Amino acid sequence: MKDKLFVAALVLITAAYTWGLGWIAWGFVRAGTALGYGMALGVAILLLLTVWVTWREVLFGLQSGRLARQYEPPADAHGEDARAEFEAARTALQESDEHDWRAWFRLALAYDALRDRKGARMATRRAIAEHRG
C-alpha cells in the first residue's frame, strides 16, 4: 500500500509540474514574439516528454505488478543465496522455451536480488512482452 501511495504522490507532483509548464508555455505564447513562440514550443516539448515518461513508468509498474501476482517461484529457487538463484534462473531460461515469461520474470527477480537494476528492468520488460504473446 505504501508503494501505491508513493506512486500516486509522484503522479500528482508530475501533474502539478505539467500544469506549471503549461502555464509557462501559455505565457510565452501571450508574449506574441517569435522568441516567445519558440520558447513555448520548447516548453511544450518538455511537457509532452514529462507526460510520456511518467505514463510509460506507470504502465511498467502496473504490468510488472500483474506478473508478480501471477508468478509462483519454482521449487528449486534458492531464496537465500542471490548468486545461486541467479545462476539457477539463467540456466532455467537457457533450458526452457525462450518465450516463457515465468523464466524471464525469475531472471528479473534474480537480477534484482543482485542489485542489478538495469538487468532486472530488461528482463522484466522481456517477461511483459512474452506474457502479452
Protein backbone atom coordinates (compact mmCIF):
# COMPACT_ATOMS: atom_id res chain seq x y z
CA MET A 1 0.00 0.00 0.00
CA LYS A 2 2.92 2.30 0.78
CA ASP A 3 4.23 1.88 -2.78
CA LYS A 4 0.85 2.76 -4.28
CA LEU A 5 0.68 5.93 -2.18
CA PHE A 6 4.20 6.84 -3.26
CA VAL A 7 3.31 6.36 -6.95
CA ALA A 8 0.12 8.39 -6.51
CA ALA A 9 2.14 11.19 -4.91
CA LEU A 10 4.65 11.13 -7.77
CA VAL A 11 1.85 11.27 -10.34
CA LEU A 12 0.31 14.24 -8.52
CA ILE A 13 3.67 16.01 -8.42
CA THR A 14 4.10 15.33 -12.14
CA ALA A 15 0.61 16.70 -12.79
CA ALA A 16 1.48 19.89 -10.88
CA TYR A 17 4.76 20.17 -12.80
CA THR A 18 2.88 19.69 -16.07
CA TRP A 19 0.35 22.33 -15.13
CA GLY A 20 3.18 24.73 -14.29
CA LEU A 21 4.94 24.04 -17.59
CA GLY A 22 1.67 24.59 -19.45
CA TRP A 23 1.21 27.92 -17.68
CA ILE A 24 4.74 28.99 -18.60
CA ALA A 25 4.21 27.96 -22.23
CA TRP A 26 0.99 29.96 -22.34
CA GLY A 27 2.85 32.98 -21.01
CA PHE A 28 5.40 32.70 -23.80
CA VAL A 29 2.62 32.42 -26.40
CA ARG A 30 0.94 35.53 -25.00
CA ALA A 31 4.19 37.45 -25.48
CA GLY A 32 3.48 37.17 -29.20
CA THR A 33 7.05 37.30 -30.46
CA ALA A 34 8.98 34.73 -32.47
CA LEU A 35 11.18 34.11 -29.46
CA GLY A 36 8.10 33.65 -27.29
CA TYR A 37 6.64 31.11 -29.71
CA GLY A 38 9.95 29.26 -29.85
CA MET A 39 10.21 29.15 -26.07
CA ALA A 40 6.60 27.98 -25.84
CA LEU A 41 7.35 25.18 -28.29
CA GLY A 42 10.39 24.11 -26.25
CA VAL A 43 8.38 24.11 -23.03
CA ALA A 44 5.56 22.18 -24.73
CA ILE A 45 8.06 19.55 -25.85
CA LEU A 46 9.29 19.23 -22.25
CA LEU A 47 5.71 18.93 -21.10
CA LEU A 48 4.94 16.13 -23.56
CA LEU A 49 8.15 14.33 -22.66
CA THR A 50 7.27 14.51 -18.97
CA VAL A 51 3.80 13.08 -19.54
CA TRP A 52 5.10 10.34 -21.84
CA VAL A 53 7.85 9.18 -19.47
CA THR A 54 5.51 9.20 -16.48
CA TRP A 55 2.88 7.24 -18.41
CA ARG A 56 5.42 4.62 -19.53
CA GLU A 57 6.73 4.16 -16.00
CA VAL A 58 3.25 3.81 -14.52
CA LEU A 59 2.35 1.23 -17.17
CA PHE A 60 5.60 -0.65 -16.50
CA GLY A 61 4.79 -0.74 -12.79
CA LEU A 62 1.24 -1.95 -13.38
CA GLN A 63 2.32 -4.64 -15.82
CA SER A 64 5.17 -5.91 -13.66
CA GLY A 65 2.85 -5.94 -10.64
CA ARG A 66 0.38 -8.06 -12.61
CA LEU A 67 3.17 -10.51 -13.43
CA ALA A 68 4.30 -10.62 -9.82
CA ARG A 69 0.78 -11.57 -8.69
CA GLN A 70 0.67 -14.41 -11.26
CA TYR A 71 4.21 -15.67 -10.66
CA GLU A 72 4.87 -18.67 -8.44
CA PRO A 73 8.54 -19.37 -7.74
CA PRO A 74 9.75 -22.81 -8.77
CA ALA A 75 10.59 -25.44 -6.19
CA ASP A 76 14.32 -25.22 -6.96
CA ALA A 77 14.52 -21.48 -6.18
CA HIS A 78 17.38 -20.52 -3.86
CA GLY A 79 15.80 -17.67 -1.91
CA GLU A 80 18.70 -17.05 0.49
CA ASP A 81 21.63 -17.16 -1.90
CA ALA A 82 21.23 -14.46 -4.56
CA ARG A 83 24.17 -15.61 -6.69
CA ALA A 84 22.99 -19.24 -6.73
CA GLU A 85 19.45 -18.14 -7.61
CA PHE A 86 20.80 -16.01 -10.46
CA GLU A 87 22.72 -18.96 -11.90
CA ALA A 88 19.70 -21.25 -11.49
CA ALA A 89 17.42 -18.70 -13.17
CA ARG A 90 19.83 -18.20 -16.05
CA THR A 91 20.21 -21.94 -16.52
CA ALA A 92 16.43 -22.44 -16.36
CA LEU A 93 15.97 -19.77 -19.03
CA GLN A 94 18.54 -21.40 -21.31
CA GLU A 95 16.95 -24.82 -20.88
CA SER A 96 13.35 -23.65 -21.33
CA ASP A 97 11.43 -22.04 -24.12
CA GLU A 98 12.81 -18.53 -24.56
CA HIS A 99 9.21 -17.28 -24.83
CA ASP A 100 8.38 -18.39 -21.27
CA TRP A 101 7.55 -15.25 -19.32
CA ARG A 102 7.97 -17.04 -16.00
CA ALA A 103 11.62 -17.83 -16.78
CA TRP A 104 12.26 -14.19 -17.72
CA PHE A 105 10.50 -12.95 -14.60
CA ARG A 106 12.53 -15.33 -12.44
CA LEU A 107 15.67 -13.93 -14.04
CA ALA A 108 14.43 -10.39 -13.35
CA LEU A 109 13.93 -11.22 -9.67
CA ALA A 110 17.41 -12.75 -9.56
CA TYR A 111 18.92 -9.62 -11.11
CA ASP A 112 17.05 -7.53 -8.57
CA ALA A 113 18.38 -9.64 -5.71
CA LEU A 114 21.89 -8.93 -7.01
CA ARG A 115 21.05 -5.19 -7.09
CA ASP A 116 21.46 -5.07 -10.88
CA ARG A 117 18.54 -2.75 -11.64
CA LYS A 118 19.31 -2.39 -15.34
CA GLY A 119 19.35 -6.15 -15.86
CA ALA A 120 16.19 -6.53 -13.77
CA ARG A 121 14.31 -3.94 -15.83
CA MET A 122 15.47 -5.52 -19.08
CA ALA A 123 14.36 -8.98 -18.00
CA THR A 124 11.06 -7.63 -16.65
CA ARG A 125 10.35 -5.87 -19.95
CA ARG A 126 11.06 -9.13 -21.78
CA ALA A 127 8.76 -11.02 -19.37
CA ILE A 128 5.99 -8.47 -20.01
CA ALA A 129 6.46 -8.79 -23.78
CA GLU A 130 6.41 -12.60 -23.62
CA HIS A 131 3.34 -12.56 -21.36
CA ARG A 132 1.47 -10.49 -23.94
CA GLY A 133 2.36 -13.05 -26.58
